[in-house]
C-alpha atoms as a PDB file:
ATOM      1  CA  MET A   1      62.716  18.474  20.326  1.00  0.00           C
ATOM      2  CA  THR A   2      61.531  16.161  17.625  1.00  0.00           C
ATOM      3  CA  THR A   3      58.362  16.661  15.683  1.00  0.00           C
ATOM      4  CA  LYS A   4      56.572  13.950  13.845  1.00  0.00           C
ATOM      5  CA  ARG A   5      55.784  14.554  10.255  1.00  0.00           C
ATOM      6  CA  LYS A   6      52.415  13.675   8.899  1.00  0.00           C
ATOM      7  CA  ASN A   7      52.309  10.741   6.574  1.00  0.00           C
ATOM      8  CA  THR A   8      52.324  12.098   3.039  1.00  0.00           C
ATOM      9  CA  ALA A   9      52.571   8.725   1.382  1.00  0.00           C
ATOM     10  CA  PRO A  10      50.185   7.829  -1.433  1.00  0.00           C
ATOM     11  CA  GLU A  11      46.872   6.232  -0.406  1.00  0.00           C
ATOM     12  CA  ASP A  12      47.710   2.785  -1.737  1.00  0.00           C
ATOM     13  CA  THR A  13      50.614   2.325   0.685  1.00  0.00           C
ATOM     14  CA  VAL A  14      49.978   1.423   4.297  1.00  0.00           C
ATOM     15  CA  PRO A  15      51.811   3.536   6.893  1.00  0.00           C
ATOM     16  CA  GLU A  16      54.038   1.726   9.331  1.00  0.00           C
ATOM     17  CA  PRO A  17      52.575   1.372  12.817  1.00  0.00           C
ATOM     18  CA  ASP A  18      53.886   3.670  15.522  1.00  0.00           C
ATOM     19  CA  THR A  19      55.254   1.414  18.251  1.00  0.00           C
ATOM     20  CA  ASP A  20      55.863   4.231  20.748  1.00  0.00           C
ATOM     21  CA  ALA A  21      52.233   5.336  20.883  1.00  0.00           C
ATOM     22  CA  ALA A  22      49.504   3.755  22.972  1.00  0.00           C
ATOM     23  CA  PRO A  23      47.212   1.267  21.222  1.00  0.00           C
ATOM     24  CA  THR A  24      44.485   2.894  19.162  1.00  0.00           C
ATOM     25  CA  GLU A  25      41.045   1.725  18.123  1.00  0.00           C
ATOM     26  CA  ASN A  26      42.448   0.034  15.046  1.00  0.00           C
ATOM     27  CA  ALA A  27      44.564  -2.175  17.280  1.00  0.00           C
ATOM     28  CA  THR A  28      41.468  -3.330  19.187  1.00  0.00           C
ATOM     29  CA  GLY A  29      39.934  -5.061  16.223  1.00  0.00           C
ATOM     30  CA  ASP A  30      38.173  -2.290  14.292  1.00  0.00           C
ATOM     31  CA  GLU A  31      38.637  -2.656  10.611  1.00  0.00           C
ATOM     32  CA  SER A  32      40.226   0.090   8.608  1.00  0.00           C
ATOM     33  CA  PRO A  33      38.766   1.225   5.279  1.00  0.00           C
ATOM     34  CA  ALA A  34      41.435  -0.753   3.460  1.00  0.00           C
ATOM     35  CA  ALA A  35      40.322  -3.945   5.236  1.00  0.00           C
ATOM     36  CA  GLU A  36      36.704  -3.495   4.110  1.00  0.00           C
ATOM     37  CA  ALA A  37      37.644  -3.949   0.496  1.00  0.00           C
ATOM     38  CA  GLU A  38      39.461  -7.198   1.194  1.00  0.00           C
ATOM     39  CA  PRO A  39      37.223 -10.285   1.120  1.00  0.00           C
ATOM     40  CA  THR A  40      36.982 -12.264   4.331  1.00  0.00           C
ATOM     41  CA  GLU A  41      35.651 -15.732   4.919  1.00  0.00           C
ATOM     42  CA  ASP A  42      32.424 -14.621   6.609  1.00  0.00           C
ATOM     43  CA  LYS A  43      31.711 -11.580   4.420  1.00  0.00           C
ATOM     44  CA  PRO A  44      31.337 -11.930   0.673  1.00  0.00           C
ATOM     45  CA  THR A  45      33.136  -9.612  -1.699  1.00  0.00           C
ATOM     46  CA  PRO A  46      31.145  -6.410  -2.223  1.00  0.00           C
ATOM     47  CA  ARG A  47      28.971  -6.495  -5.318  1.00  0.00           C
ATOM     48  CA  SER A  48      29.571 -10.216  -5.847  1.00  0.00           C
ATOM     49  CA  LEU A  49      26.661 -12.615  -6.370  1.00  0.00           C
ATOM     50  CA  GLU A  50      26.828 -13.803  -2.762  1.00  0.00           C
ATOM     51  CA  TRP A  51      26.845 -10.199  -1.535  1.00  0.00           C
ATOM     52  CA  TRP A  52      23.732  -9.384  -3.577  1.00  0.00           C
ATOM     53  CA  LYS A  53      22.008 -12.529  -2.295  1.00  0.00           C
ATOM     54  CA  ALA A  54      22.801 -11.543   1.298  1.00  0.00           C
ATOM     55  CA  LYS A  55      21.432  -8.049   0.662  1.00  0.00           C
ATOM     56  CA  ALA A  56      18.279  -9.541  -0.865  1.00  0.00           C
ATOM     57  CA  ARG A  57      17.790 -11.759   2.217  1.00  0.00           C
ATOM     58  CA  GLU A  58      18.188  -8.729   4.500  1.00  0.00           C
ATOM     59  CA  HIS A  59      15.653  -6.754   2.491  1.00  0.00           C
ATOM     60  CA  GLN A  60      13.217  -9.680   2.382  1.00  0.00           C
ATOM     61  CA  THR A  61      13.427 -10.011   6.166  1.00  0.00           C
ATOM     62  CA  THR A  62      12.708  -6.286   6.491  1.00  0.00           C
ATOM     63  CA  ILE A  63       9.778  -6.564   4.091  1.00  0.00           C
ATOM     64  CA  ASP A  64       8.361  -9.547   6.002  1.00  0.00           C
ATOM     65  CA  THR A  65       8.642  -7.686   9.308  1.00  0.00           C
ATOM     66  CA  LEU A  66       6.970  -4.571   7.930  1.00  0.00           C
ATOM     67  CA  THR A  67       4.209  -6.634   6.316  1.00  0.00           C
ATOM     68  CA  ALA A  68       3.469  -8.361   9.625  1.00  0.00           C
ATOM     69  CA  GLU A  69       3.356  -4.997  11.419  1.00  0.00           C
ATOM     70  CA  ARG A  70       1.039  -3.576   8.750  1.00  0.00           C
ATOM     71  CA  ASP A  71      -1.303  -6.563   9.030  1.00  0.00           C
ATOM     72  CA  ALA A  72      -1.411  -6.263  12.828  1.00  0.00           C
ATOM     73  CA  LEU A  73      -2.211  -2.556  12.612  1.00  0.00           C
ATOM     74  CA  GLN A  74      -4.911  -3.194   9.993  1.00  0.00           C
ATOM     75  CA  ALA A  75      -6.511  -5.800  12.272  1.00  0.00           C
ATOM     76  CA  ARG A  76      -6.524  -3.306  15.154  1.00  0.00           C
ATOM     77  CA  LEU A  77      -8.060  -0.619  12.934  1.00  0.00           C
ATOM     78  CA  ASP A  78     -10.748  -3.051  11.749  1.00  0.00           C
ATOM     79  CA  THR A  79     -11.610  -3.873  15.364  1.00  0.00           C
ATOM     80  CA  VAL A  80     -11.903  -0.194  16.283  1.00  0.00           C
ATOM     81  CA  GLN A  81     -14.064   0.547  13.235  1.00  0.00           C
ATOM     82  CA  GLN A  82     -16.291  -2.465  13.925  1.00  0.00           C
ATOM     83  CA  ARG A  83     -16.817  -1.289  17.505  1.00  0.00           C
ATOM     84  CA  GLU A  84     -17.654   2.188  16.208  1.00  0.00           C
ATOM     85  CA  ALA A  85     -20.295   0.750  13.862  1.00  0.00           C
ATOM     86  CA  GLU A  86     -21.692  -1.412  16.680  1.00  0.00           C
ATOM     87  CA  ALA A  87     -21.903   1.686  18.882  1.00  0.00           C
ATOM     88  CA  LEU A  88     -24.044   3.355  16.226  1.00  0.00           C
ATOM     89  CA  VAL A  89     -26.617   0.510  16.386  1.00  0.00           C
ATOM     90  CA  THR A  90     -26.561   0.064  20.161  1.00  0.00           C
ATOM     91  CA  GLY A  91     -30.115   0.359  21.438  1.00  0.00           C
ATOM     92  CA  LYS A  92     -31.551  -0.561  18.054  1.00  0.00           C
ATOM     93  CA  LEU A  93     -30.552  -4.246  18.032  1.00  0.00           C
ATOM     94  CA  HIS A  94     -30.591  -6.668  20.952  1.00  0.00           C
ATOM     95  CA  ASP A  95     -27.000  -7.583  20.125  1.00  0.00           C
ATOM     96  CA  PRO A  96     -25.079  -4.960  18.112  1.00  0.00           C
ATOM     97  CA  ALA A  97     -22.762  -7.685  16.778  1.00  0.00           C
ATOM     98  CA  ASP A  98     -25.768  -8.989  14.790  1.00  0.00           C
ATOM     99  CA  LEU A  99     -25.128  -6.154  12.348  1.00  0.00           C
ATOM    100  CA  PHE A 100     -22.025  -8.017  11.157  1.00  0.00           C
ATOM    101  CA  ARG A 101     -23.487 -11.520  11.567  1.00  0.00           C
ATOM    102  CA  PHE A 102     -26.412 -10.829   9.261  1.00  0.00           C
ATOM    103  CA  GLY A 103     -25.373  -7.628   7.507  1.00  0.00           C
ATOM    104  CA  PRO A 104     -22.646  -6.501   5.140  1.00  0.00           C
ATOM    105  CA  PRO A 105     -18.928  -6.720   5.909  1.00  0.00           C
ATOM    106  CA  LEU A 106     -17.168  -3.772   7.501  1.00  0.00           C
ATOM    107  CA  ALA A 107     -15.631  -2.622   4.206  1.00  0.00           C
ATOM    108  CA  GLU A 108     -19.101  -1.812   2.851  1.00  0.00           C
ATOM    109  CA  LEU A 109     -19.820   0.497   5.807  1.00  0.00           C
ATOM    110  CA  LEU A 110     -16.835   2.782   5.180  1.00  0.00           C
ATOM    111  CA  ASP A 111     -16.924   6.034   3.240  1.00  0.00           C
ATOM    112  CA  GLU A 112     -14.385   7.008   0.602  1.00  0.00           C
ATOM    113  CA  ASP A 113     -11.972   8.262   3.287  1.00  0.00           C
ATOM    114  CA  GLY A 114     -12.064   4.919   5.124  1.00  0.00           C
ATOM    115  CA  ASN A 115     -14.171   6.154   8.050  1.00  0.00           C
ATOM    116  CA  VAL A 116     -17.339   4.492   9.333  1.00  0.00           C
ATOM    117  CA  SER A 117     -20.306   6.187   7.647  1.00  0.00           C
ATOM    118  CA  ALA A 118     -23.378   6.665   9.841  1.00  0.00           C
ATOM    119  CA  GLU A 119     -25.615   6.719   6.750  1.00  0.00           C
ATOM    120  CA  LEU A 120     -24.248   3.406   5.466  1.00  0.00           C
ATOM    121  CA  VAL A 121     -24.599   1.856   8.937  1.00  0.00           C
ATOM    122  CA  ASP A 122     -28.236   3.031   9.140  1.00  0.00           C
ATOM    123  CA  ALA A 123     -28.955   1.561   5.696  1.00  0.00           C
ATOM    124  CA  ALA A 124     -27.341  -1.745   6.705  1.00  0.00           C
ATOM    125  CA  LEU A 125     -29.310  -1.725   9.968  1.00  0.00           C
ATOM    126  CA  ALA A 126     -32.561  -1.212   8.067  1.00  0.00           C
ATOM    127  CA  ALA A 127     -31.707  -4.123   5.756  1.00  0.00           C
ATOM    128  CA  VAL A 128     -30.857  -6.434   8.680  1.00  0.00           C
ATOM    129  CA  VAL A 129     -34.046  -5.511  10.585  1.00  0.00           C
ATOM    130  CA  ALA A 130     -36.155  -5.959   7.436  1.00  0.00           C
ATOM    131  CA  GLU A 131     -34.753  -9.458   6.939  1.00  0.00           C
ATOM    132  CA  HIS A 132     -34.594 -10.407  10.648  1.00  0.00           C
ATOM    133  CA  PRO A 133     -37.181  -8.327  12.555  1.00  0.00           C
ATOM    134  CA  HIS A 134     -36.736 -10.371  15.726  1.00  0.00           C
ATOM    135  CA  LEU A 135     -33.254  -8.837  16.151  1.00  0.00           C
ATOM    136  CA  SER A 136     -34.687  -5.352  16.585  1.00  0.00           C
ATOM    137  CA  VAL A 137     -35.399  -3.860  19.994  1.00  0.00           C
ATOM    138  CA  ARG A 138     -38.520  -2.240  18.515  1.00  0.00           C
ATOM    139  CA  HIS A 139     -39.948  -5.643  17.702  1.00  0.00           C
ATOM    140  CA  GLY A 140     -40.991  -5.889  21.338  1.00  0.00           C
ATOM    141  CA  ILE A 141     -39.819  -9.408  22.092  1.00  0.00           C
ATOM    142  CA  SER A 142     -37.355  -9.542  24.903  1.00  0.00           C
ATOM    143  CA  PRO A 143     -34.583 -12.052  24.309  1.00  0.00           C
ATOM    144  CA  ALA A 144     -35.201 -13.563  27.761  1.00  0.00           C
ATOM    145  CA  ALA A 145     -37.322 -12.836  30.792  1.00  0.00           C
ATOM    146  CA  PRO A 146     -35.422 -11.414  33.748  1.00  0.00           C
ATOM    147  CA  ALA A 147     -34.266 -14.031  36.223  1.00  0.00           C
ATOM    148  CA  SER A 148     -36.420 -12.502  38.973  1.00  0.00           C
ATOM    149  CA  MET A 149     -39.540 -13.178  36.893  1.00  0.00           C
ATOM    150  CA  VAL A 150     -38.935 -16.883  36.294  1.00  0.00           C
ATOM    151  CA  THR A 151     -40.476 -19.358  38.741  1.00  0.00           C
ATOM    152  CA  SER A 152     -39.627 -22.972  39.423  1.00  0.00           C
ATOM    153  CA  ARG A 153     -42.095 -23.968  36.694  1.00  0.00           C
ATOM    154  CA  ASP A 154     -40.024 -22.002  34.139  1.00  0.00           C
ATOM    155  CA  VAL A 155     -42.973 -19.701  33.541  1.00  0.00           C
ATOM    156  CA  PRO A 156     -42.837 -15.999  34.345  1.00  0.00           C
ATOM    157  CA  ASP A 157     -44.950 -15.221  37.396  1.00  0.00           C
ATOM    158  CA  ARG A 158     -46.054 -11.670  36.744  1.00  0.00           C
ATOM    159  CA  GLU A 159     -48.522 -11.583  39.664  1.00  0.00           C
ATOM    160  CA  ALA A 160     -45.985 -12.215  42.407  1.00  0.00           C
ATOM    161  CA  LYS A 161     -45.585  -9.069  44.427  1.00  0.00           C
ATOM    162  CA  GLN A 162     -42.319 -10.054  46.114  1.00  0.00           C
ATOM    163  CA  PRO A 163     -39.833 -12.629  44.973  1.00  0.00           C
ATOM    164  CA  ARG A 164     -39.842 -15.829  46.996  1.00  0.00           C
ATOM    165  CA  THR A 165     -36.982 -16.664  49.292  1.00  0.00           C
ATOM    166  CA  PHE A 166     -35.109 -19.938  49.199  1.00  0.00           C
ATOM    167  CA  GLN A 167     -36.664 -20.860  52.533  1.00  0.00           C
ATOM    168  CA  GLU A 168     -40.155 -20.539  51.036  1.00  0.00           C
ATOM    169  CA  LEU A 169     -39.172 -22.561  48.006  1.00  0.00           C
ATOM    170  CA  LEU A 170     -37.706 -25.372  50.133  1.00  0.00           C
ATOM    171  CA  ARG A 171     -40.797 -25.558  52.363  1.00  0.00           C
ATOM    172  CA  GLY A 172     -43.002 -25.756  49.325  1.00  0.00           C
ATOM    173  CA  ALA A 173     -44.717 -22.482  50.009  1.00  0.00           C
ATOM    174  CA  GLY A 174     -46.755 -21.274  47.143  1.00  0.00           C
ATOM    175  CA  ARG A 175     -46.970 -24.625  45.380  1.00  0.00           C
ATOM    176  CA  THR A 176     -50.219 -25.319  43.728  1.00  0.00           C
ATOM    177  CA  GLY A 177     -51.709 -28.710  43.129  1.00  0.00           C
END
């Protein structure tokens, strides 16, 4: 019975391949640690100028990707915060988006923690309504009469008890002079 002895050769010598054994992972193309130190045509020598340039390109690509992700997340957060501020003025303005059309930017409505401040939104709302009172629901002017109130003369007919049918309109029913 023969026993194989472990290779006790120094690290700088390469052991001879065992031809009797089945192929191992190194025979399938994986590089050994000794092969990593040797320069190849497609990989620059470690710590050479080309190697550092390649590393810098990799890091710049990573930075660009992370910056794009950060910007996308910031845009989503801004949208959520804008909707939150608009929800606070719903029922006080005809169009809650008017708060941002005529008022301060979103950044001025955030507290020191970056959350939408109800007090700052109320102050901005008061400033917008003071400058543009027609935007307020309290002003009393409806932005448009309901469609059921408008007649063919484009004047609201407040005395009509029931809306006219198309048949009545086509016959000319209800026309005056």
